Amino acid sequence: MEDATSERTDAVTGVPSAPVPVRGGRRRARQRPLAFDLTALAVVGVLLVGALAATGAVLYQQLYSPAAFVGRYLDMLAQGRAADALEVPGVRVDAAQLEEAGLPADAADALLRRDALAPLGEIEIVSTTEKDGIASVTAEYDAGPHRARSTFAVEQAGMNGVVPAWRFATTPLAVIDLTVRGAMQFSVNGFGIDKRQVHPAGTEADPLEPVSLLVFSPGLYSIAVDTALSASPGVAVLSDKPRAEIPVDLQTEATDTFVDVVQEKVDAFLDECATQRVLQPTGCPFGFPVRNRIVDEPTWSIAEQPVVSLEPDGADWRIRRTQAVAHIVVDIQSIYDGSIRHVDEDVPFFIDGDIVVLPDGTASITVSAAD
């Protein structure tokens, strides 16, 4: 058999050319491309693993992290999805948990609904810190004209397959302790409430006792009164701290319609008093005492009706002290000499009064003589 290499003579020069490798040369020629391929595959593998790790980190941050958990809760509030927000783990609490959290155990849940929510906007998670298994997630958001910030405590609640599940370690709900003076009805973000419907005592509720209302945190709650008897400008309450208790004291003012009604009632009352033909009309705030005899029954009229103005009196109202003028016409005979004096004069007097708002929304008015 011939050697693996053979000699050839150059056709031009006649000089033998270099040996040409036949088998062994081919084996060496393939070694460099194979090494290159393996190196390239290794680099691609490293890049792929890095890309997967980076993708996993992004997915975790966006979908499965404590920050993502809080972000979903805030998005629900922003969209008015109150029912869904209540089902987020750790949000809903019972009476025992409220008491344990230092909140009123009988707080009503009437405001935990879509109709009582104000929208949030520009939500941004700004930081997350972890300590002792609790993640503190801080978010910023727009609540009405306010740029506000809240921090939530989040803890792991097992696993959902291969990803962690989360829950609020502390409920994000808060409580507004609301006292409304001069009304039993009020509205929160336009949602109407009667205090007797949400107070534990029901129809026996003390008008001046605060009513405790659960609210979402964060949330902006505008509380106002607009009834036939009383009204108030809206007061805005920002609930930006989970598990907070926020006292609100709202004083109403009598409406013009209410004042007009009271004025009519007072005028009618005094006019009725003036029909009594006695010197001291019974149950009335004016009179004309004399020590002599009267010839005929006196005649009364109201020369000047009082100008009524109202002031709050706890849960009810009071007529401020104001002046009026009655007029009497009567002949008086002296018991000493029998002479007769004709009286035709004004009799100034002062009134005040109490107004009690009844359960059916009407008012009981009592007019009294004032010093």
Protein backbone atom coordinates (compact mmCIF):
# COMPACT_ATOMS: atom_id res chain seq x y z
CA MET A 1 0.00 0.00 0.00
CA GLU A 2 1.24 3.48 -0.79
CA ASP A 3 2.13 5.94 1.97
CA ALA A 4 -0.52 8.31 3.25
CA THR A 5 1.38 11.12 1.55
CA SER A 6 2.57 11.22 -2.04
CA GLU A 7 4.83 13.45 -4.01
CA ARG A 8 3.75 15.38 -7.07
CA THR A 9 5.88 17.20 -9.64
CA ASP A 10 4.95 20.74 -10.44
CA ALA A 11 3.83 20.82 -14.02
CA VAL A 12 5.61 24.10 -14.69
CA THR A 13 8.87 23.94 -12.72
CA GLY A 14 9.37 20.22 -12.59
CA VAL A 15 10.23 20.58 -8.91
CA PRO A 16 8.56 18.12 -6.62
CA SER A 17 5.83 19.83 -4.56
CA ALA A 18 5.34 19.46 -0.75
CA PRO A 19 3.66 16.36 0.45
CA VAL A 20 -0.14 16.58 0.44
CA PRO A 21 -1.82 15.22 3.59
CA VAL A 22 -4.53 12.74 2.81
CA ARG A 23 -6.27 11.50 6.05
CA GLY A 24 -4.54 12.95 9.07
CA GLY A 25 -4.62 16.45 7.60
CA ARG A 26 -8.40 16.44 7.29
CA ARG A 27 -8.76 15.50 11.00
CA ARG A 28 -6.61 18.45 12.09
CA ALA A 29 -8.49 20.87 9.79
CA ARG A 30 -11.82 20.13 11.61
CA GLN A 31 -10.49 20.65 15.15
CA ARG A 32 -10.52 24.51 15.08
CA PRO A 33 -14.12 24.96 13.80
CA LEU A 34 -15.44 22.50 16.43
CA ALA A 35 -13.74 24.36 19.28
CA PHE A 36 -15.13 27.62 17.95
CA ASP A 37 -18.62 26.17 17.80
CA LEU A 38 -18.41 24.90 21.38
CA THR A 39 -17.23 28.26 22.61
CA ALA A 40 -20.01 30.05 20.77
CA LEU A 41 -22.58 27.67 22.23
CA ALA A 42 -21.21 28.30 25.72
CA VAL A 43 -21.45 32.07 25.24
CA VAL A 44 -25.00 31.77 23.92
CA GLY A 45 -25.89 29.59 26.90
CA VAL A 46 -24.52 32.12 29.35
CA LEU A 47 -26.37 34.94 27.60
CA LEU A 48 -29.58 32.90 27.58
CA VAL A 49 -29.32 32.13 31.28
CA GLY A 50 -28.67 35.81 31.98
CA ALA A 51 -31.61 36.86 29.86
CA LEU A 52 -33.88 34.36 31.60
CA ALA A 53 -32.67 35.57 34.99
CA ALA A 54 -33.24 39.18 34.01
CA THR A 55 -36.67 38.36 32.61
CA GLY A 56 -37.53 36.47 35.77
CA ALA A 57 -36.43 39.41 37.92
CA VAL A 58 -38.57 41.80 35.87
CA LEU A 59 -41.57 39.48 36.00
CA TYR A 60 -41.15 39.05 39.75
CA GLN A 61 -40.97 42.79 40.30
CA GLN A 62 -43.93 43.52 38.04
CA LEU A 63 -46.20 40.59 38.93
CA TYR A 64 -45.16 38.68 42.02
CA SER A 65 -43.38 41.10 44.38
CA PRO A 66 -44.85 42.91 47.43
CA ALA A 67 -44.72 46.10 45.38
CA ALA A 68 -46.81 44.49 42.62
CA PHE A 69 -49.29 43.24 45.25
CA VAL A 70 -49.77 46.76 46.64
CA GLY A 71 -49.94 48.22 43.14
CA ARG A 72 -52.83 45.92 42.21
CA TYR A 73 -54.73 46.96 45.34
CA LEU A 74 -54.24 50.65 44.53
CA ASP A 75 -55.31 50.11 40.93
CA MET A 76 -58.56 48.54 42.18
CA LEU A 77 -59.30 51.61 44.30
CA ALA A 78 -58.43 53.90 41.38
CA GLN A 79 -60.93 52.02 39.20
CA GLY A 80 -63.65 52.07 41.88
CA ARG A 81 -63.51 48.29 42.33
CA ALA A 82 -64.34 48.40 46.03
CA ALA A 83 -65.70 44.85 46.18
CA ASP A 84 -62.52 43.44 44.60
CA ALA A 85 -60.31 45.53 46.90
CA LEU A 86 -62.11 44.08 49.92
CA GLU A 87 -61.22 40.56 48.76
CA VAL A 88 -57.49 41.29 48.62
CA PRO A 89 -55.90 39.16 51.37
CA GLY A 90 -55.54 41.07 54.62
CA VAL A 91 -57.96 43.91 53.79
CA ARG A 92 -61.26 42.73 55.28
CA VAL A 93 -61.35 42.48 59.07
CA ASP A 94 -63.94 41.35 61.60
CA ALA A 95 -64.96 43.00 64.87
CA ALA A 96 -62.34 41.13 66.89
CA GLN A 97 -59.56 42.17 64.51
CA LEU A 98 -60.75 45.77 64.59
CA GLU A 99 -60.64 45.75 68.37
CA GLU A 100 -57.21 44.14 68.33
CA ALA A 101 -56.04 46.90 65.99
CA GLY A 102 -57.28 49.54 68.43
CA LEU A 103 -60.25 50.54 66.25
CA PRO A 104 -63.97 50.61 67.15
CA ALA A 105 -65.29 47.06 66.90
CA ASP A 106 -68.71 48.34 65.78
CA ALA A 107 -67.42 50.49 62.91
CA ALA A 108 -69.87 50.39 60.01
CA ASP A 109 -68.83 49.30 56.51
CA ALA A 110 -71.31 51.54 54.64
CA LEU A 111 -68.50 53.46 52.89
CA LEU A 112 -66.68 50.38 51.61
CA ARG A 113 -68.46 50.55 48.28
CA ARG A 114 -67.96 51.97 44.82
CA ASP A 115 -70.46 54.82 45.30
CA ALA A 116 -68.41 56.27 48.18
CA LEU A 117 -64.99 56.12 46.48
CA ALA A 118 -63.15 59.07 45.00
CA PRO A 119 -60.67 58.26 42.22
CA LEU A 120 -56.92 57.99 42.69
CA GLY A 121 -54.42 58.91 39.98
CA GLU A 122 -50.72 58.84 39.06
CA ILE A 123 -49.97 55.84 41.29
CA GLU A 124 -46.27 55.13 41.77
CA ILE A 125 -44.47 52.65 44.01
CA VAL A 126 -41.49 54.58 45.35
CA SER A 127 -39.76 52.14 47.71
CA THR A 128 -39.81 48.69 49.27
CA THR A 129 -37.88 47.67 52.38
CA GLU A 130 -37.93 44.37 54.24
CA LYS A 131 -37.36 43.59 57.90
CA ASP A 132 -38.22 40.53 59.96
CA GLY A 133 -40.30 39.05 57.15
CA ILE A 134 -42.40 42.21 56.66
CA ALA A 135 -42.11 44.24 53.48
CA SER A 136 -42.88 47.96 53.84
CA VAL A 137 -44.12 49.25 50.50
CA THR A 138 -44.45 53.01 50.03
CA ALA A 139 -46.61 54.43 47.26
CA GLU A 140 -47.40 57.93 46.05
CA TYR A 141 -50.63 58.93 44.32
CA ASP A 142 -52.96 61.82 43.52
CA ALA A 143 -56.07 62.05 45.70
CA GLY A 144 -58.07 65.00 44.41
CA PRO A 145 -55.76 68.02 44.47
CA HIS A 146 -53.39 66.33 46.93
CA ARG A 147 -50.19 64.44 46.15
CA ALA A 148 -50.07 61.96 49.00
CA ARG A 149 -48.01 59.02 50.23
CA SER A 150 -48.90 55.85 52.13
CA THR A 151 -46.88 52.91 53.44
CA PHE A 152 -48.29 49.38 53.65
CA ALA A 153 -47.07 46.36 55.58
CA VAL A 154 -47.04 43.17 53.47
CA GLU A 155 -46.12 39.61 54.44
CA GLN A 156 -45.82 36.33 52.54
CA ALA A 157 -48.85 34.04 52.68
CA GLY A 158 -47.52 30.80 51.22
CA MET A 159 -46.95 30.06 47.55
CA ASN A 160 -49.01 30.09 44.39
CA GLY A 161 -47.28 27.26 42.56
CA VAL A 162 -43.69 28.43 42.18
CA VAL A 163 -44.30 32.11 43.00
CA PRO A 164 -44.93 33.68 46.42
CA ALA A 165 -48.39 34.79 47.58
CA TRP A 166 -48.79 37.96 49.64
CA ARG A 167 -51.22 39.53 52.09
CA PHE A 168 -51.43 42.76 54.05
CA ALA A 169 -49.84 42.20 57.43
CA THR A 170 -51.88 45.18 58.69
CA THR A 171 -55.24 46.01 57.15
CA PRO A 172 -55.15 49.13 54.96
CA LEU A 173 -58.61 50.11 56.23
CA ALA A 174 -59.01 53.13 58.50
CA VAL A 175 -61.90 54.59 60.53
CA ILE A 176 -63.55 58.02 60.40
CA ASP A 177 -65.23 58.95 63.70
CA LEU A 178 -67.85 61.43 62.47
CA THR A 179 -69.88 63.84 64.59
CA VAL A 180 -72.50 65.86 62.72
CA ARG A 181 -74.19 68.67 64.63
CA GLY A 182 -77.59 69.78 63.47
CA ALA A 183 -78.43 66.87 61.18
CA MET A 184 -78.88 63.11 61.14
CA GLN A 185 -78.33 62.84 57.39
CA PHE A 186 -75.07 63.51 55.57
CA SER A 187 -73.27 62.48 52.42
CA VAL A 188 -69.78 61.14 51.74
CA ASN A 189 -68.50 61.71 48.20
CA GLY A 190 -72.12 62.19 47.23
CA PHE A 191 -73.29 58.92 48.81
CA GLY A 192 -76.15 59.67 51.24
CA ILE A 193 -76.22 58.16 54.75
CA ASP A 194 -78.61 58.46 57.68
CA LYS A 195 -76.76 58.17 60.97
CA ARG A 196 -79.50 55.98 62.42
CA GLN A 197 -78.87 53.40 59.69
CA VAL A 198 -75.21 52.90 60.59
CA HIS A 199 -75.11 53.61 64.33
CA PRO A 200 -75.27 50.53 66.63
CA ALA A 201 -78.15 52.14 68.57
CA GLY A 202 -80.22 52.56 65.40
CA THR A 203 -83.17 54.95 65.82
CA GLU A 204 -82.15 55.52 69.44
CA ALA A 205 -78.77 56.94 68.43
CA ASP A 206 -77.63 59.99 70.34
CA PRO A 207 -77.49 62.79 67.73
CA LEU A 208 -74.19 64.06 69.17
CA GLU A 209 -72.48 60.69 69.54
CA PRO A 210 -69.88 60.02 66.84
CA VAL A 211 -70.55 57.31 64.30
CA SER A 212 -67.58 55.15 63.28
CA LEU A 213 -67.20 54.44 59.56
CA LEU A 214 -64.67 52.13 57.94
CA VAL A 215 -62.90 53.64 54.92
CA PHE A 216 -60.26 52.50 52.47
CA SER A 217 -56.77 53.82 52.84
CA PRO A 218 -55.75 55.57 50.71
CA GLY A 219 -58.87 57.56 49.96
CA LEU A 220 -60.23 61.09 49.85
CA TYR A 221 -63.65 61.49 51.48
CA SER A 222 -65.69 64.68 51.12
CA ILE A 223 -68.31 64.91 53.89
CA ALA A 224 -71.19 67.36 53.58
CA VAL A 225 -74.74 68.03 54.78
CA ASP A 226 -77.44 69.29 52.44
CA THR A 227 -80.93 68.83 53.86
CA ALA A 228 -84.03 70.99 54.01
CA LEU A 229 -83.14 72.06 57.55
CA SER A 230 -79.38 72.33 57.56
CA ALA A 231 -76.33 72.40 55.34
CA SER A 232 -72.59 72.60 55.56
CA PRO A 233 -69.69 73.18 53.23
CA GLY A 234 -67.91 69.96 52.35
CA VAL A 235 -64.97 68.97 54.51
CA ALA A 236 -62.33 66.81 52.83
CA VAL A 237 -60.78 63.98 54.82
CA LEU A 238 -57.66 62.28 53.44
CA SER A 239 -57.27 58.73 54.71
CA ASP A 240 -53.61 58.06 53.96
CA LYS A 241 -52.54 55.91 56.89
CA PRO A 242 -53.70 52.31 57.29
CA ARG A 243 -55.42 51.50 60.59
CA ALA A 244 -55.74 55.18 61.51
CA GLU A 245 -58.68 56.64 63.45
CA ILE A 246 -59.67 60.06 62.12
CA PRO A 247 -62.01 62.29 64.19
CA VAL A 248 -64.23 64.67 62.20
CA ASP A 249 -66.59 67.20 63.80
CA LEU A 250 -68.99 68.84 61.35
CA GLN A 251 -71.14 71.80 62.37
CA THR A 252 -74.05 72.56 60.08
CA GLU A 253 -75.82 75.86 59.45
CA ALA A 254 -79.54 76.43 59.16
CA THR A 255 -80.73 76.77 55.59
CA ASP A 256 -82.58 79.86 54.39
CA THR A 257 -85.63 77.68 53.86
CA PHE A 258 -85.49 76.48 57.46
CA VAL A 259 -85.09 80.03 58.80
CA ASP A 260 -88.04 81.17 56.67
CA VAL A 261 -90.21 78.36 58.05
CA VAL A 262 -89.26 79.22 61.63
CA GLN A 263 -89.95 82.90 60.93
CA GLU A 264 -93.42 82.04 59.65
CA LYS A 265 -94.12 79.87 62.70
CA VAL A 266 -92.97 82.57 65.12
CA ASP A 267 -95.01 85.23 63.32
CA ALA A 268 -98.09 83.03 63.42
CA PHE A 269 -97.53 82.23 67.10
CA LEU A 270 -97.28 85.90 68.07
CA ASP A 271 -100.28 86.82 65.91
CA GLU A 272 -102.24 84.14 67.73
CA CYS A 273 -101.10 85.58 71.05
CA ALA A 274 -102.39 88.98 69.94
CA THR A 275 -105.92 87.58 69.62
CA GLN A 276 -106.15 87.11 73.37
CA ARG A 277 -108.01 90.04 74.91
CA VAL A 278 -106.30 90.00 78.25
CA LEU A 279 -103.50 92.02 79.73
CA GLN A 280 -101.22 88.96 80.02
CA PRO A 281 -101.86 86.59 77.07
CA THR A 282 -101.44 83.00 78.25
CA GLY A 283 -98.21 81.30 77.16
CA CYS A 284 -97.06 84.42 75.33
CA PRO A 285 -93.89 86.46 75.68
CA PHE A 286 -95.52 89.87 76.15
CA GLY A 287 -98.05 91.53 78.47
CA PHE A 288 -99.10 94.80 80.11
CA PRO A 289 -99.36 94.69 83.89
CA VAL A 290 -101.55 97.32 85.63
CA ARG A 291 -102.75 97.86 89.21
CA ASN A 292 -106.02 99.46 88.24
CA ARG A 293 -109.18 98.29 86.58
CA ILE A 294 -109.67 98.09 82.84
CA VAL A 295 -112.82 99.49 81.33
CA ASP A 296 -112.99 97.16 78.34
CA GLU A 297 -110.95 94.16 77.18
CA PRO A 298 -107.63 95.23 75.72
CA THR A 299 -106.82 94.91 72.04
CA TRP A 300 -103.42 93.59 71.02
CA SER A 301 -101.56 93.65 67.73
CA ILE A 302 -97.97 92.93 66.69
CA ALA A 303 -96.39 96.18 65.62
CA GLU A 304 -93.01 94.67 64.78
CA GLN A 305 -92.32 90.98 64.28
CA PRO A 306 -88.93 89.68 65.47
CA VAL A 307 -86.26 88.93 62.89
CA VAL A 308 -85.46 85.28 63.47
CA SER A 309 -81.92 83.88 63.32
CA LEU A 310 -80.88 80.40 64.38
CA GLU A 311 -77.83 79.02 66.11
CA PRO A 312 -76.77 75.40 66.67
CA ASP A 313 -77.71 73.86 69.98
CA GLY A 314 -76.07 70.45 70.08
CA ALA A 315 -77.94 68.28 67.63
CA ASP A 316 -80.82 70.77 67.54
CA TRP A 317 -81.28 74.52 67.06
CA ARG A 318 -82.04 77.59 69.08
CA ILE A 319 -83.68 80.89 68.17
CA ARG A 320 -81.30 83.67 69.11
CA ARG A 321 -82.56 86.35 71.46
CA THR A 322 -84.25 89.02 69.40
CA GLN A 323 -86.62 91.95 69.94
CA ALA A 324 -90.22 92.40 68.84
CA VAL A 325 -92.89 94.99 69.54
CA ALA A 326 -96.52 94.45 70.46
CA HIS A 327 -99.14 97.21 70.58
CA ILE A 328 -101.95 97.52 73.12
CA VAL A 329 -105.09 99.63 73.16
CA VAL A 330 -107.02 99.71 76.44
CA ASP A 331 -108.81 102.08 78.81
CA ILE A 332 -107.72 101.91 82.44
CA GLN A 333 -109.78 103.26 85.34
CA SER A 334 -108.11 104.37 88.54
CA ILE A 335 -109.26 102.57 91.65
CA TYR A 336 -108.55 105.71 93.68
CA ASP A 337 -110.47 108.45 91.90
CA GLY A 338 -112.28 106.65 89.08
CA SER A 339 -110.48 108.52 86.35
CA ILE A 340 -109.95 106.81 83.04
CA ARG A 341 -106.65 106.74 81.16
CA HIS A 342 -106.63 105.74 77.49
CA VAL A 343 -103.61 103.60 76.65
CA ASP A 344 -102.49 103.27 73.03
CA GLU A 345 -98.82 102.35 73.03
CA ASP A 346 -96.11 99.97 71.91
CA VAL A 347 -94.87 97.22 74.24
CA PRO A 348 -91.33 96.02 73.38
CA PHE A 349 -90.37 92.48 74.35
CA PHE A 350 -87.68 89.90 73.64
CA ILE A 351 -88.01 86.30 72.56
CA ASP A 352 -85.81 83.25 72.12
CA GLY A 353 -86.75 79.63 71.52
CA ASP A 354 -85.82 76.00 71.17
CA ILE A 355 -86.14 73.90 68.02
CA VAL A 356 -86.01 70.13 68.31
CA VAL A 357 -85.46 68.14 65.11
CA LEU A 358 -87.77 65.12 65.20
CA PRO A 359 -86.93 61.66 63.81
CA ASP A 360 -89.16 62.23 60.76
CA GLY A 361 -87.14 65.31 59.79
CA THR A 362 -89.71 67.87 60.99
CA ALA A 363 -89.05 70.35 63.79
CA SER A 364 -90.83 71.21 67.05
CA ILE A 365 -90.57 74.96 67.79
CA THR A 366 -91.01 76.48 71.25
CA VAL A 367 -90.99 80.29 71.61
CA SER A 368 -90.22 81.81 74.99
CA ALA A 369 -89.89 85.24 76.54
CA ALA A 370 -86.23 86.25 76.90
CA ASP A 371 -84.75 88.54 79.49
